[in-house]
Amino acid sequence: MRGWLIVVPWLNVSAMALFPFILLRSSAMRKDEVLLNHERIHLRQQIELLVLPFYMFYLLNYLVNLARYRNHHQAYMGISFEREAYKMEVDLAYLNRRKFCNWLIFF
């Protein structure tokens, strides 16, 4: 899944994966392969969980982390989906060999 790239200038983050789209803050980000790989990892995670459950589990994981750390950044970085995406984003071949629901090992 490559995702359809859409530029959204008012986006408060660099990029965001909302199946089946990858929203980008600027068109220059279309060339950032590491960023796109990070978001494509999220698209694969969303497909594995049939999209809606992904968002529910993502939010639940964030809220549990927020209660634990009382810090937005730590809570966000502790989300298992983000841990996988950040760890593997520089490996541009990762999605070709990624195991099903591999985000579970980052939980």
C-alpha atoms as a PDB file:
ATOM      1  CA  MET A   1       0.000   0.000   0.000  1.00  0.00           C
ATOM      2  CA  ARG A   2       1.644   3.191  -1.149  1.00  0.00           C
ATOM      3  CA  GLY A   3      -1.123   5.566  -0.095  1.00  0.00           C
ATOM      4  CA  TRP A   4      -2.429   8.570  -1.970  1.00  0.00           C
ATOM      5  CA  LEU A   5      -0.417  11.671  -1.129  1.00  0.00           C
ATOM      6  CA  ILE A   6      -2.411  14.794  -0.312  1.00  0.00           C
ATOM      7  CA  VAL A   7      -0.881  18.141   0.648  1.00  0.00           C
ATOM      8  CA  VAL A   8      -2.682  19.829   3.551  1.00  0.00           C
ATOM      9  CA  PRO A   9      -0.846  23.111   4.321  1.00  0.00           C
ATOM     10  CA  TRP A  10      -2.610  23.716   7.648  1.00  0.00           C
ATOM     11  CA  LEU A  11      -1.608  20.295   9.052  1.00  0.00           C
ATOM     12  CA  ASN A  12       0.018  20.710  12.491  1.00  0.00           C
ATOM     13  CA  VAL A  13       2.364  17.747  11.961  1.00  0.00           C
ATOM     14  CA  SER A  14       4.743  16.873   9.115  1.00  0.00           C
ATOM     15  CA  ALA A  15       2.589  13.984   7.915  1.00  0.00           C
ATOM     16  CA  MET A  16      -0.268  11.726   8.940  1.00  0.00           C
ATOM     17  CA  ALA A  17      -1.586   8.421   7.651  1.00  0.00           C
ATOM     18  CA  LEU A  18      -5.374   8.261   7.400  1.00  0.00           C
ATOM     19  CA  PHE A  19      -6.190   5.172   5.383  1.00  0.00           C
ATOM     20  CA  PRO A  20      -5.875   5.220   2.387  1.00  0.00           C
ATOM     21  CA  PHE A  21      -4.229   8.653   2.355  1.00  0.00           C
ATOM     22  CA  ILE A  22      -0.955  10.134   3.518  1.00  0.00           C
ATOM     23  CA  LEU A  23      -1.474  13.769   4.408  1.00  0.00           C
ATOM     24  CA  LEU A  24       1.597  15.987   4.037  1.00  0.00           C
ATOM     25  CA  ARG A  25       2.127  19.529   5.313  1.00  0.00           C
ATOM     26  CA  SER A  26       4.020  20.555   2.153  1.00  0.00           C
ATOM     27  CA  SER A  27       4.591  19.209  -1.344  1.00  0.00           C
ATOM     28  CA  ALA A  28       8.362  19.132  -0.651  1.00  0.00           C
ATOM     29  CA  MET A  29       7.678  16.238   1.729  1.00  0.00           C
ATOM     30  CA  ARG A  30       6.724  14.067  -1.249  1.00  0.00           C
ATOM     31  CA  LYS A  31      10.477  13.497  -1.694  1.00  0.00           C
ATOM     32  CA  ASP A  32      11.186  12.512   1.917  1.00  0.00           C
ATOM     33  CA  GLU A  33      11.388   8.727   1.549  1.00  0.00           C
ATOM     34  CA  VAL A  34      11.983   8.134   5.266  1.00  0.00           C
ATOM     35  CA  LEU A  35       8.893  10.146   6.216  1.00  0.00           C
ATOM     36  CA  LEU A  36       6.814   8.381   3.565  1.00  0.00           C
ATOM     37  CA  ASN A  37       8.089   4.994   4.730  1.00  0.00           C
ATOM     38  CA  HIS A  38       7.074   5.864   8.306  1.00  0.00           C
ATOM     39  CA  GLU A  39       3.553   6.716   7.151  1.00  0.00           C
ATOM     40  CA  ARG A  40       3.336   3.624   4.921  1.00  0.00           C
ATOM     41  CA  ILE A  41       4.167   1.489   7.941  1.00  0.00           C
ATOM     42  CA  HIS A  42       1.139   3.088   9.621  1.00  0.00           C
ATOM     43  CA  LEU A  43      -1.012   2.310   6.572  1.00  0.00           C
ATOM     44  CA  ARG A  44       0.007  -1.360   6.830  1.00  0.00           C
ATOM     45  CA  GLN A  45      -0.840  -1.344  10.546  1.00  0.00           C
ATOM     46  CA  GLN A  46      -4.226   0.184   9.762  1.00  0.00           C
ATOM     47  CA  ILE A  47      -4.966  -2.497   7.164  1.00  0.00           C
ATOM     48  CA  GLU A  48      -4.011  -5.273   9.588  1.00  0.00           C
ATOM     49  CA  LEU A  49      -6.472  -4.011  12.168  1.00  0.00           C
ATOM     50  CA  LEU A  50      -9.184  -3.241   9.617  1.00  0.00           C
ATOM     51  CA  VAL A  51      -8.707   0.528  10.010  1.00  0.00           C
ATOM     52  CA  LEU A  52     -11.204   1.570  12.702  1.00  0.00           C
ATOM     53  CA  PRO A  53      -9.851  -0.730  15.451  1.00  0.00           C
ATOM     54  CA  PHE A  54      -6.382   0.699  14.677  1.00  0.00           C
ATOM     55  CA  TYR A  55      -7.538   4.202  15.610  1.00  0.00           C
ATOM     56  CA  MET A  56      -9.286   2.977  18.758  1.00  0.00           C
ATOM     57  CA  PHE A  57      -6.254   0.997  19.903  1.00  0.00           C
ATOM     58  CA  TYR A  58      -3.924   3.890  18.990  1.00  0.00           C
ATOM     59  CA  LEU A  59      -5.959   6.296  21.140  1.00  0.00           C
ATOM     60  CA  LEU A  60      -6.229   3.823  24.024  1.00  0.00           C
ATOM     61  CA  ASN A  61      -2.467   3.178  23.898  1.00  0.00           C
ATOM     62  CA  TYR A  62      -1.853   6.952  23.940  1.00  0.00           C
ATOM     63  CA  LEU A  63      -4.220   7.572  26.877  1.00  0.00           C
ATOM     64  CA  VAL A  64      -2.673   4.777  28.959  1.00  0.00           C
ATOM     65  CA  ASN A  65       0.790   6.182  28.226  1.00  0.00           C
ATOM     66  CA  LEU A  66      -0.370   9.713  29.058  1.00  0.00           C
ATOM     67  CA  ALA A  67      -1.667   8.547  32.441  1.00  0.00           C
ATOM     68  CA  ARG A  68       1.615   6.705  33.022  1.00  0.00           C
ATOM     69  CA  TYR A  69       4.049   9.438  31.930  1.00  0.00           C
ATOM     70  CA  ARG A  70       1.940  12.606  32.280  1.00  0.00           C
ATOM     71  CA  ASN A  71       3.762  13.937  29.234  1.00  0.00           C
ATOM     72  CA  HIS A  72       2.378  14.196  25.690  1.00  0.00           C
ATOM     73  CA  HIS A  73       5.662  13.507  23.888  1.00  0.00           C
ATOM     74  CA  GLN A  74       6.519  10.455  26.006  1.00  0.00           C
ATOM     75  CA  ALA A  75       2.971   9.159  25.644  1.00  0.00           C
ATOM     76  CA  TYR A  76       3.100   9.560  21.858  1.00  0.00           C
ATOM     77  CA  MET A  77       6.559   7.981  21.533  1.00  0.00           C
ATOM     78  CA  GLY A  78       5.416   5.058  23.688  1.00  0.00           C
ATOM     79  CA  ILE A  79       2.580   4.055  21.345  1.00  0.00           C
ATOM     80  CA  SER A  80       3.500   0.638  19.959  1.00  0.00           C
ATOM     81  CA  PHE A  81       2.562   1.660  16.408  1.00  0.00           C
ATOM     82  CA  GLU A  82       4.866   4.674  16.606  1.00  0.00           C
ATOM     83  CA  ARG A  83       7.681   2.652  18.154  1.00  0.00           C
ATOM     84  CA  GLU A  84       7.648   0.286  15.187  1.00  0.00           C
ATOM     85  CA  ALA A  85       7.359   3.080  12.617  1.00  0.00           C
ATOM     86  CA  TYR A  86      10.162   5.185  14.107  1.00  0.00           C
ATOM     87  CA  LYS A  87      12.490   2.219  14.576  1.00  0.00           C
ATOM     88  CA  MET A  88      12.000   0.920  11.024  1.00  0.00           C
ATOM     89  CA  GLU A  89      11.418   4.131   9.021  1.00  0.00           C
ATOM     90  CA  VAL A  90      15.009   4.325   7.712  1.00  0.00           C
ATOM     91  CA  ASP A  91      14.812   0.757   6.362  1.00  0.00           C
ATOM     92  CA  LEU A  92      13.126   1.423   3.033  1.00  0.00           C
ATOM     93  CA  ALA A  93      12.823  -2.325   2.313  1.00  0.00           C
ATOM     94  CA  TYR A  94      11.174  -3.075   5.674  1.00  0.00           C
ATOM     95  CA  LEU A  95       7.617  -3.365   4.365  1.00  0.00           C
ATOM     96  CA  ASN A  96       8.730  -6.022   1.861  1.00  0.00           C
ATOM     97  CA  ARG A  97       9.707  -8.415   4.659  1.00  0.00           C
ATOM     98  CA  ARG A  98       7.605  -7.187   7.589  1.00  0.00           C
ATOM     99  CA  LYS A  99       5.696  -9.868   9.446  1.00  0.00           C
ATOM    100  CA  PHE A 100       1.962  -9.586  10.047  1.00  0.00           C
ATOM    101  CA  CYS A 101       1.130  -7.463  13.123  1.00  0.00           C
ATOM    102  CA  ASN A 102       4.823  -6.891  13.811  1.00  0.00           C
ATOM    103  CA  TRP A 103       3.862  -3.857  15.908  1.00  0.00           C
ATOM    104  CA  LEU A 104       3.012  -6.315  18.697  1.00  0.00           C
ATOM    105  CA  ILE A 105       6.705  -6.880  19.456  1.00  0.00           C
ATOM    106  CA  PHE A 106       6.991  -3.150  20.224  1.00  0.00           C
ATOM    107  CA  PHE A 107       4.152  -3.266  22.763  1.00  0.00           C
END
